[in-house]
Amino acid sequence: MTPSDKRPNIVLFMTDDHAVPAISAYGSVINRTPAVDRLAAEGMRFENTFCTNAICSPARATLLTGAYSHVNGMTSLQGPDHTFDATQPSFPEMLQEAGYQTAIVGKWHLGHGGDSDPRGFDHWEILPEHGVYHDPVFLTAEGERSYQGYVTDIITDLALGWLDRRDPDRPFALLIQHKAPHRSFEPAERHRNLYAHEDIPAPATLHDDWDGRAPAAAEARLRMSDLEPHDLKEPVPEGLSEREEREWRYQRYIKEYLRVIAGLDENVGRVMHYLETTALSDGTAVAYTSDHGFFLGEHGWFDKRFMYDPSLRIPLVMRWPGVVAPGSVNDDLVANVDFAPTLLDLAGVEPPARMQGRSLLPLLRGSTPDDWRTGVYYRYYMHLDVDHNVQASYGIRTRTHKLIHYPGHGSGASGASEERREPEWELFDLVDDPDELHNRYSDPGYASVVAELTGRLADLQKQYGDTPEGVILGR
């Protein structure tokens, strides 16, 4: 049989905070990622993929369930009961029921114990919460296991070890979920001096003053000046101007981030090499993505949470020999709620109605359905969280515009403040203003766009069963 004649094996890499501008397949000017680039060259690169809630645990819950946060219960870093209900329908369990061997290694970040333990996996070995970069402890169904070494290498070792032990006569689905490149950044020793003698190009908006945007932008604690000593790893030099200090902090920040990604990319390459040398490559669909985006100095920021594109946009590349045309590019609007139904569709399993995304299989085959989405719905719940002070928001992102509403309050999410702000709106023209510097919401010339997008935003909330107050629908 050719790979397209049978159900493929599945390998899914999910990283943490890997921003699109730090992948050379997407045109990075700050680093090279040859292993991820190879996946893109041998498969499809999706240009317009977005998360639906730019924070770790909610994004991971959406990956598993194919449902928005208000449906799967994970609106913030903890759910209503501070844990994820893993008993709800998920694609790994459905693949398992369809005869797949399933495993997850690496970052889970959805709680541990009872109904929060991974379900639908024949094997799981996960980090507690975020885990650590060096000498990590892992949680398993049999208890804790400790390892010596660098976590990105160890996650790969565990993944390859499971592949060695699997039943070779049954298809498999393996989720390799890396901690990297999550802050605080700790590179492997072999990359500690990478970029030491060069300056990394800074984004054009590094010195953004947030003028003309909603007050939420100016009050957020995501600035280079908010980086802590453990981020910088050395004292700020004396005598620098404010601008010089921001640039110095950016260099310290971005180099450590990229050093961590260097180890990540190497380990993607290790898995690809394994698939080749074990004759698994042709029959395996391999995807690479991240839980959400990350600010790499854009708007003078680090972290995520906002609906601005550096936080909202995520990478997605997928290789499936015999089905996906090598070097193909898709620019349709894709969301992370689509991942679960896609992986089920690859295996010939019908996604349940509860999943709110759509299978990407037609897109992977080079054909876009006529009724494909023209807007992506986003919602962030953790209003004025104690560490970053970012306001709750929701909105719609189309190919050409973005409408964001800051309601001025949260909606019961854990980690959210009860402090209120005046409601605000932002509208960005992504064609004329791709850096999202000019809020056009009150511009009379955009009145018709505001009216149209306000209506479409309400329609999306109705479609997905959300409300402006953000009531959690349950599981």
Protein backbone atom coordinates (compact mmCIF):
# COMPACT_ATOMS: atom_id res chain seq x y z
CA MET A 1 0.00 0.00 0.00
CA THR A 2 1.01 3.61 -0.47
CA PRO A 3 0.78 5.90 2.58
CA SER A 4 -2.45 7.40 1.24
CA ASP A 5 -4.10 3.94 1.09
CA LYS A 6 -4.03 3.33 4.84
CA ARG A 7 -4.29 5.14 8.13
CA PRO A 8 -1.04 6.98 8.84
CA ASN A 9 0.97 6.96 11.99
CA ILE A 10 0.84 10.37 13.64
CA VAL A 11 3.59 12.37 15.34
CA LEU A 12 2.59 15.76 16.72
CA PHE A 13 5.18 18.16 18.09
CA MET A 14 3.68 20.81 20.33
CA THR A 15 6.09 23.39 21.68
CA ASP A 16 5.51 26.10 24.26
CA ASP A 17 5.82 29.76 23.19
CA HIS A 18 7.55 29.10 19.85
CA ALA A 19 6.71 32.23 17.89
CA VAL A 20 6.39 32.24 14.10
CA PRO A 21 9.17 34.85 13.60
CA ALA A 22 11.65 32.43 15.18
CA ILE A 23 11.20 29.80 12.46
CA SER A 24 13.22 30.23 9.29
CA ALA A 25 10.59 28.43 7.19
CA TYR A 26 8.41 31.45 8.00
CA GLY A 27 11.12 33.90 7.00
CA SER A 28 12.90 34.42 10.32
CA VAL A 29 15.68 37.01 10.24
CA ILE A 30 16.88 36.10 13.75
CA ASN A 31 17.63 32.37 13.63
CA ARG A 32 17.64 29.17 11.59
CA THR A 33 15.52 26.08 12.26
CA PRO A 34 16.65 23.47 9.72
CA ALA A 35 14.62 20.55 11.07
CA VAL A 36 11.31 22.43 11.12
CA ASP A 37 12.24 23.93 7.75
CA ARG A 38 12.64 20.42 6.39
CA LEU A 39 9.15 19.49 7.56
CA ALA A 40 7.80 22.52 5.74
CA ALA A 41 9.80 21.78 2.59
CA GLU A 42 8.51 18.21 2.51
CA GLY A 43 4.94 19.15 3.42
CA MET A 44 2.64 22.12 3.90
CA ARG A 45 3.24 25.40 5.73
CA PHE A 46 0.11 27.08 7.05
CA GLU A 47 0.49 30.86 6.98
CA ASN A 48 -2.61 31.92 8.92
CA THR A 49 -2.96 29.64 11.93
CA PHE A 50 -4.18 31.15 15.20
CA CYS A 51 -4.81 30.09 18.77
CA THR A 52 -8.15 30.74 20.41
CA ASN A 53 -6.84 31.65 23.89
CA ALA A 54 -3.16 32.63 24.18
CA ILE A 55 -2.20 30.95 27.41
CA CYS A 56 -0.70 27.52 28.10
CA SER A 57 -3.31 25.28 29.74
CA PRO A 58 -6.30 26.49 27.69
CA ALA A 59 -4.40 25.95 24.44
CA ARG A 60 -3.52 22.40 25.46
CA ALA A 61 -7.10 21.65 26.44
CA THR A 62 -8.25 22.93 23.06
CA LEU A 63 -5.70 20.72 21.30
CA LEU A 64 -7.10 17.61 22.98
CA THR A 65 -10.80 18.44 22.81
CA GLY A 66 -11.19 20.48 19.63
CA ALA A 67 -13.36 22.84 21.68
CA TYR A 68 -13.17 26.43 22.87
CA SER A 69 -12.22 27.22 26.48
CA HIS A 70 -15.80 27.95 27.57
CA VAL A 71 -16.74 24.42 26.48
CA ASN A 72 -13.75 22.39 27.71
CA GLY A 73 -13.63 24.29 31.00
CA MET A 74 -10.03 25.54 30.80
CA THR A 75 -10.37 29.29 30.53
CA SER A 76 -7.14 30.08 32.34
CA LEU A 77 -4.16 28.37 33.94
CA GLN A 78 -6.60 26.47 36.09
CA GLY A 79 -10.10 25.35 35.28
CA PRO A 80 -13.17 25.92 37.45
CA ASP A 81 -11.93 23.28 39.87
CA HIS A 82 -8.27 24.15 39.27
CA THR A 83 -7.89 21.04 37.11
CA PHE A 84 -8.70 19.80 33.64
CA ASP A 85 -11.46 17.22 33.32
CA ALA A 86 -9.69 14.63 31.20
CA THR A 87 -12.80 12.45 31.12
CA GLN A 88 -14.33 14.66 28.44
CA PRO A 89 -14.10 13.52 24.81
CA SER A 90 -10.63 13.90 23.30
CA PHE A 91 -8.94 12.86 20.09
CA PRO A 92 -6.32 10.56 21.73
CA GLU A 93 -9.02 8.47 23.38
CA MET A 94 -10.96 8.25 20.12
CA LEU A 95 -7.82 7.20 18.25
CA GLN A 96 -7.16 4.61 20.93
CA GLU A 97 -10.67 3.25 20.52
CA ALA A 98 -10.05 3.07 16.76
CA GLY A 99 -7.05 0.80 17.27
CA TYR A 100 -4.19 3.28 17.54
CA GLN A 101 -1.40 2.98 20.05
CA THR A 102 -1.17 6.34 21.80
CA ALA A 103 1.46 8.08 23.91
CA ILE A 104 2.26 11.52 25.26
CA VAL A 105 5.65 12.62 26.61
CA GLY A 106 6.62 16.04 27.89
CA LYS A 107 4.49 18.95 28.96
CA TRP A 108 0.87 18.30 29.98
CA HIS A 109 0.16 21.31 32.25
CA LEU A 110 -3.45 20.33 32.83
CA GLY A 111 -3.21 19.14 36.41
CA HIS A 112 -2.35 15.74 37.84
CA GLY A 113 -4.26 13.19 39.86
CA GLY A 114 -7.73 11.73 39.54
CA ASP A 115 -9.65 12.88 36.49
CA SER A 116 -6.83 15.24 35.48
CA ASP A 117 -4.37 12.51 34.60
CA PRO A 118 -3.90 11.94 30.88
CA ARG A 119 -6.57 9.68 29.40
CA GLY A 120 -6.70 7.89 26.10
CA PHE A 121 -2.96 7.17 26.20
CA ASP A 122 -1.38 3.74 26.39
CA HIS A 123 1.67 5.45 27.81
CA TRP A 124 2.18 8.84 29.40
CA GLU A 125 5.18 10.48 30.99
CA ILE A 126 4.61 14.13 31.75
CA LEU A 127 6.30 17.04 33.47
CA PRO A 128 4.71 18.37 36.66
CA GLU A 129 3.24 21.76 35.71
CA HIS A 130 5.91 23.55 33.60
CA GLY A 131 8.70 21.23 34.67
CA VAL A 132 12.34 22.32 34.70
CA TYR A 133 14.99 22.48 32.00
CA HIS A 134 17.73 20.58 33.84
CA ASP A 135 17.50 17.22 35.63
CA PRO A 136 13.71 17.03 35.37
CA VAL A 137 11.21 14.87 37.22
CA PHE A 138 8.43 13.23 35.21
CA LEU A 139 5.08 11.86 36.37
CA THR A 140 3.81 8.50 35.17
CA ALA A 141 0.93 6.17 35.99
CA GLU A 142 3.41 4.26 38.17
CA GLY A 143 4.82 7.29 40.00
CA GLU A 144 7.65 9.79 39.64
CA ARG A 145 10.79 9.26 37.57
CA SER A 146 13.88 11.46 37.68
CA TYR A 147 16.36 11.95 34.87
CA GLN A 148 19.74 13.62 34.57
CA GLY A 149 20.24 15.94 31.64
CA TYR A 150 18.49 18.53 29.52
CA VAL A 151 14.71 18.29 29.33
CA THR A 152 14.37 18.74 25.55
CA ASP A 153 16.83 15.90 24.96
CA ILE A 154 15.15 13.73 27.58
CA ILE A 155 11.65 14.22 26.14
CA THR A 156 13.00 13.06 22.79
CA ASP A 157 14.75 10.08 24.40
CA LEU A 158 11.47 9.04 26.02
CA ALA A 159 9.55 9.44 22.76
CA LEU A 160 12.03 7.35 20.78
CA GLY A 161 12.13 4.75 23.53
CA TRP A 162 8.36 4.34 23.31
CA LEU A 163 8.57 4.00 19.54
CA ASP A 164 11.09 1.20 20.02
CA ARG A 165 8.70 -0.64 22.34
CA ARG A 166 5.46 -0.17 20.38
CA ASP A 167 3.61 -2.91 18.53
CA PRO A 168 4.95 -2.61 14.95
CA ASP A 169 1.75 -4.07 13.50
CA ARG A 170 -0.57 -1.28 14.70
CA PRO A 171 -0.65 2.42 13.82
CA PHE A 172 0.45 4.88 16.49
CA ALA A 173 -0.18 8.45 17.56
CA LEU A 174 2.65 10.08 19.52
CA LEU A 175 2.38 13.53 21.10
CA ILE A 176 5.81 15.06 21.81
CA GLN A 177 5.05 18.12 23.91
CA HIS A 178 8.11 20.17 24.70
CA LYS A 179 8.61 22.58 27.55
CA ALA A 180 10.86 24.64 25.30
CA PRO A 181 11.10 27.51 24.67
CA HIS A 182 9.03 28.57 27.70
CA ARG A 183 10.42 31.27 29.98
CA SER A 184 12.58 31.29 32.03
CA PHE A 185 14.97 30.34 29.28
CA GLU A 186 17.74 27.87 30.10
CA PRO A 187 19.66 26.57 27.09
CA ALA A 188 21.57 23.33 26.92
CA GLU A 189 25.22 23.69 27.80
CA ARG A 190 26.19 23.10 24.17
CA HIS A 191 24.29 26.25 23.15
CA ARG A 192 25.25 28.50 26.03
CA ASN A 193 27.48 30.74 23.90
CA LEU A 194 25.41 30.68 20.72
CA TYR A 195 24.96 34.24 19.35
CA ALA A 196 27.44 35.55 21.93
CA HIS A 197 29.32 37.68 19.42
CA GLU A 198 26.47 39.04 17.31
CA ASP A 199 23.52 41.36 17.65
CA ILE A 200 20.09 39.92 16.89
CA PRO A 201 17.93 42.21 14.71
CA ALA A 202 15.22 43.91 16.75
CA PRO A 203 11.62 44.24 15.55
CA ALA A 204 10.60 47.60 14.13
CA THR A 205 8.17 48.12 17.02
CA LEU A 206 10.62 47.50 19.87
CA HIS A 207 10.29 51.13 20.97
CA ASP A 208 6.51 51.32 20.59
CA ASP A 209 4.97 53.78 23.08
CA TRP A 210 1.44 52.30 22.74
CA ASP A 211 0.06 55.73 21.86
CA GLY A 212 -3.43 55.59 20.37
CA ARG A 213 -4.13 52.04 21.49
CA ALA A 214 -6.54 50.96 24.20
CA PRO A 215 -5.23 51.64 27.73
CA ALA A 216 -4.78 47.88 28.14
CA ALA A 217 -1.61 48.11 26.04
CA ALA A 218 0.12 50.74 28.16
CA GLU A 219 -0.70 49.15 31.50
CA ALA A 220 0.45 45.61 30.67
CA ARG A 221 3.57 44.37 32.45
CA LEU A 222 5.17 42.72 29.44
CA ARG A 223 7.82 45.35 28.75
CA MET A 224 11.52 44.72 28.42
CA SER A 225 11.86 46.62 31.70
CA ASP A 226 9.65 43.99 33.35
CA LEU A 227 12.13 41.21 32.62
CA GLU A 228 13.55 39.98 35.89
CA PRO A 229 17.17 39.26 36.92
CA HIS A 230 16.70 35.53 36.29
CA ASP A 231 15.77 36.40 32.69
CA LEU A 232 18.76 38.65 32.08
CA LYS A 233 21.31 36.58 34.05
CA GLU A 234 23.60 39.58 34.54
CA PRO A 235 23.20 43.12 35.90
CA VAL A 236 22.09 45.91 33.60
CA PRO A 237 25.15 48.03 32.69
CA GLU A 238 25.27 51.44 34.32
CA GLY A 239 24.87 54.68 32.37
CA LEU A 240 22.46 53.48 29.70
CA SER A 241 19.67 55.69 28.44
CA GLU A 242 16.13 54.29 28.59
CA ARG A 243 16.30 53.42 24.89
CA GLU A 244 19.74 51.82 25.22
CA GLU A 245 18.63 49.78 28.21
CA ARG A 246 15.59 48.48 26.33
CA GLU A 247 17.85 47.40 23.48
CA TRP A 248 20.31 45.78 25.87
CA ARG A 249 17.52 43.90 27.61
CA TYR A 250 16.15 42.75 24.27
CA GLN A 251 19.51 41.26 23.29
CA ARG A 252 19.78 39.37 26.57
CA TYR A 253 16.21 38.13 26.25
CA ILE A 254 16.17 37.10 22.60
CA LYS A 255 19.53 35.31 22.64
CA GLU A 256 18.51 33.08 25.54
CA TYR A 257 15.19 32.37 23.82
CA LEU A 258 16.90 31.43 20.55
CA ARG A 259 19.46 29.27 22.32
CA VAL A 260 16.62 27.20 23.76
CA ILE A 261 15.06 26.91 20.30
CA ALA A 262 18.36 25.63 18.89
CA GLY A 263 18.09 22.59 21.14
CA LEU A 264 14.44 22.18 20.27
CA ASP A 265 15.10 22.12 16.54
CA GLU A 266 17.93 19.62 16.95
CA ASN A 267 15.56 17.26 18.69
CA VAL A 268 12.93 17.58 16.00
CA GLY A 269 15.68 16.47 13.66
CA ARG A 270 16.44 13.47 15.87
CA VAL A 271 12.86 12.24 15.58
CA MET A 272 12.83 12.76 11.81
CA HIS A 273 16.06 10.77 11.54
CA TYR A 274 14.57 7.96 13.60
CA LEU A 275 11.51 7.75 11.36
CA GLU A 276 13.77 7.53 8.33
CA THR A 277 16.12 4.89 9.66
CA THR A 278 13.24 2.69 10.87
CA ALA A 279 11.32 2.89 7.57
CA LEU A 280 8.47 4.76 9.26
CA SER A 281 8.82 8.05 7.44
CA ASP A 282 6.59 7.38 4.43
CA GLY A 283 3.71 6.09 6.53
CA THR A 284 3.78 8.81 9.18
CA ALA A 285 2.05 12.18 9.22
CA VAL A 286 4.20 14.65 11.18
CA ALA A 287 2.94 18.03 12.40
CA TYR A 288 4.74 20.84 14.23
CA THR A 289 2.97 23.60 16.12
CA SER A 290 3.02 25.70 19.30
CA ASP A 291 0.40 26.30 21.96
CA HIS A 292 0.31 30.03 21.18
CA GLY A 293 2.51 32.81 19.91
CA PHE A 294 4.96 34.96 21.85
CA PHE A 295 6.12 38.56 21.70
CA LEU A 296 9.76 38.67 20.62
CA GLY A 297 10.17 42.37 21.35
CA GLU A 298 7.25 43.48 19.16
CA HIS A 299 5.59 46.47 20.84
CA GLY A 300 8.46 46.33 23.35
CA TRP A 301 6.97 43.18 24.88
CA PHE A 302 7.63 39.58 25.87
CA ASP A 303 4.99 36.93 26.75
CA LYS A 304 1.58 36.51 25.03
CA ARG A 305 -2.12 36.92 26.13
CA PHE A 306 -3.03 39.84 23.87
CA MET A 307 -4.91 39.33 20.62
CA TYR A 308 -2.19 41.12 18.65
CA ASP A 309 -0.75 38.86 15.97
CA PRO A 310 2.62 37.99 17.60
CA SER A 311 0.64 36.38 20.44
CA LEU A 312 -2.29 35.11 18.39
CA ARG A 313 -0.49 33.55 15.44
CA ILE A 314 1.06 30.10 15.74
CA PRO A 315 3.16 27.93 13.44
CA LEU A 316 1.73 24.86 11.77
CA VAL A 317 3.66 22.72 9.33
CA MET A 318 2.62 19.22 8.34
CA ARG A 319 4.23 16.50 6.28
CA TRP A 320 2.33 13.44 5.03
CA PRO A 321 4.11 11.72 2.14
CA GLY A 322 1.85 10.75 -0.72
CA VAL A 323 -0.93 13.10 0.38
CA VAL A 324 0.51 16.55 1.11
CA ALA A 325 2.39 18.16 -1.77
CA PRO A 326 6.00 19.00 -0.80
CA GLY A 327 6.68 22.70 -0.40
CA SER A 328 3.01 23.63 -0.44
CA VAL A 329 1.66 26.70 1.36
CA ASN A 330 -1.85 27.36 2.62
CA ASP A 331 -3.13 30.81 3.59
CA ASP A 332 -6.65 29.93 4.77
CA LEU A 333 -7.70 30.96 8.27
CA VAL A 334 -6.97 28.03 10.58
CA ALA A 335 -7.46 27.75 14.36
CA ASN A 336 -6.18 25.34 16.98
CA VAL A 337 -9.72 23.99 17.47
CA ASP A 338 -9.11 22.38 14.05
CA PHE A 339 -6.25 20.16 15.22
CA ALA A 340 -8.28 17.44 16.98
CA PRO A 341 -10.80 16.91 14.16
CA THR A 342 -7.94 16.89 11.66
CA LEU A 343 -6.02 14.14 13.44
CA LEU A 344 -9.18 12.09 13.76
CA ASP A 345 -9.95 12.59 10.08
CA LEU A 346 -6.48 11.39 9.11
CA ALA A 347 -7.26 8.16 10.92
CA GLY A 348 -10.70 7.80 9.35
CA VAL A 349 -12.49 8.60 12.62
CA GLU A 350 -15.57 10.84 12.55
CA PRO A 351 -15.11 13.85 14.86
CA PRO A 352 -17.92 14.26 17.41
CA ALA A 353 -20.32 17.19 17.13
CA ARG A 354 -18.86 18.62 20.35
CA MET A 355 -15.65 19.48 18.51
CA GLN A 356 -15.96 23.04 17.25
CA GLY A 357 -13.18 23.04 14.68
CA ARG A 358 -13.02 21.58 11.20
CA SER A 359 -10.72 19.02 9.66
CA LEU A 360 -7.83 20.46 7.67
CA LEU A 361 -7.63 17.36 5.49
CA PRO A 362 -9.18 19.08 2.42
CA LEU A 363 -6.63 21.89 2.80
CA LEU A 364 -3.81 19.39 3.14
CA ARG A 365 -4.94 17.85 -0.13
CA GLY A 366 -4.87 21.27 -1.80
CA SER A 367 -8.57 22.11 -1.86
CA THR A 368 -10.36 24.72 0.25
CA PRO A 369 -14.09 24.13 0.89
CA ASP A 370 -16.31 26.95 -0.34
CA ASP A 371 -17.72 27.46 3.15
CA TRP A 372 -14.35 27.69 4.93
CA ARG A 373 -14.24 30.22 7.76
CA THR A 374 -13.55 33.88 7.01
CA GLY A 375 -12.96 34.91 10.62
CA VAL A 376 -11.34 33.43 13.75
CA TYR A 377 -12.88 33.94 17.19
CA TYR A 378 -10.54 34.56 20.15
CA ARG A 379 -11.07 34.96 23.88
CA TYR A 380 -8.64 35.60 26.75
CA TYR A 381 -10.10 35.43 30.28
CA MET A 382 -7.41 36.21 32.86
CA HIS A 383 -8.32 39.83 33.51
CA LEU A 384 -5.46 41.81 35.08
CA ASP A 385 -3.59 38.72 36.23
CA VAL A 386 -1.15 39.46 39.03
CA ASP A 387 2.04 38.88 37.03
CA HIS A 388 1.28 40.52 33.69
CA ASN A 389 -1.70 42.85 34.23
CA VAL A 390 -3.25 42.11 30.84
CA GLN A 391 -6.95 42.80 30.44
CA ALA A 392 -9.45 40.16 29.41
CA SER A 393 -10.49 40.45 25.77
CA TYR A 394 -12.31 38.82 22.92
CA GLY A 395 -12.53 39.53 19.23
CA ILE A 396 -12.51 38.47 15.60
CA ARG A 397 -9.57 38.24 13.21
CA THR A 398 -10.19 38.18 9.47
CA ARG A 399 -7.69 38.27 6.62
CA THR A 400 -7.81 42.07 6.48
CA HIS A 401 -8.99 43.38 9.86
CA LYS A 402 -9.06 42.67 13.55
CA LEU A 403 -11.69 43.84 16.04
CA ILE A 404 -10.82 43.48 19.75
CA HIS A 405 -13.08 44.21 22.70
CA TYR A 406 -11.76 44.73 26.23
CA PRO A 407 -14.93 44.41 28.35
CA GLY A 408 -13.16 45.84 31.39
CA HIS A 409 -13.76 42.81 33.59
CA GLY A 410 -13.11 39.12 33.77
CA SER A 411 -15.61 36.29 33.69
CA GLY A 412 -14.81 34.06 36.63
CA ALA A 413 -11.54 32.66 35.32
CA SER A 414 -8.95 31.58 37.86
CA GLY A 415 -6.14 34.10 38.14
CA ALA A 416 -8.42 36.98 37.09
CA SER A 417 -8.82 40.16 39.10
CA GLU A 418 -12.22 41.58 40.00
CA GLU A 419 -10.90 45.08 39.35
CA ARG A 420 -12.81 46.78 36.53
CA ARG A 421 -11.83 49.07 33.68
CA GLU A 422 -13.85 51.07 31.21
CA PRO A 423 -14.75 48.94 28.18
CA GLU A 424 -12.57 49.63 25.13
CA TRP A 425 -12.44 48.60 21.49
CA GLU A 426 -9.62 48.34 18.99
CA LEU A 427 -9.82 47.95 15.22
CA PHE A 428 -6.74 47.29 13.13
CA ASP A 429 -6.45 47.42 9.37
CA LEU A 430 -4.05 44.52 8.82
CA VAL A 431 -3.44 45.43 5.20
CA ASP A 432 -2.33 49.02 5.77
CA ASP A 433 -1.13 48.49 9.33
CA PRO A 434 0.23 44.94 9.77
CA ASP A 435 2.13 45.94 12.93
CA GLU A 436 -1.17 46.95 14.61
CA LEU A 437 -0.07 50.42 15.64
CA HIS A 438 -3.14 52.47 14.74
CA ASN A 439 -6.51 51.89 16.36
CA ARG A 440 -9.15 52.76 13.76
CA TYR A 441 -12.20 51.98 15.87
CA SER A 442 -13.31 55.63 16.17
CA ASP A 443 -12.20 56.62 12.66
CA PRO A 444 -15.32 57.60 10.65
CA GLY A 445 -13.72 56.09 7.56
CA TYR A 446 -13.94 52.66 9.19
CA ALA A 447 -17.50 52.93 10.52
CA SER A 448 -18.83 50.36 8.06
CA VAL A 449 -16.01 47.94 8.92
CA VAL A 450 -16.75 48.34 12.64
CA ALA A 451 -20.44 47.66 12.06
CA GLU A 452 -19.74 44.62 9.93
CA LEU A 453 -17.19 43.07 12.28
CA THR A 454 -19.28 43.78 15.38
CA GLY A 455 -22.08 41.79 13.79
CA ARG A 456 -19.76 39.00 12.72
CA LEU A 457 -18.25 38.82 16.20
CA ALA A 458 -21.73 38.39 17.70
CA ASP A 459 -22.47 35.70 15.11
CA LEU A 460 -19.30 33.78 16.04
CA GLN A 461 -20.16 33.93 19.73
CA LYS A 462 -23.58 32.53 18.92
CA GLN A 463 -22.09 29.87 16.65
CA TYR A 464 -19.68 28.66 19.34
CA GLY A 465 -22.11 29.04 22.22
CA ASP A 466 -20.20 31.79 23.99
CA THR A 467 -21.65 34.91 25.57
CA PRO A 468 -20.18 38.37 26.20
CA GLU A 469 -20.13 37.51 29.90
CA GLY A 470 -18.14 34.37 29.15
CA VAL A 471 -20.25 31.84 31.01
CA ILE A 472 -18.52 28.45 31.06
CA LEU A 473 -20.84 25.96 29.39
CA GLY A 474 -19.27 22.93 31.02
CA ARG A 475 -17.99 19.68 29.63
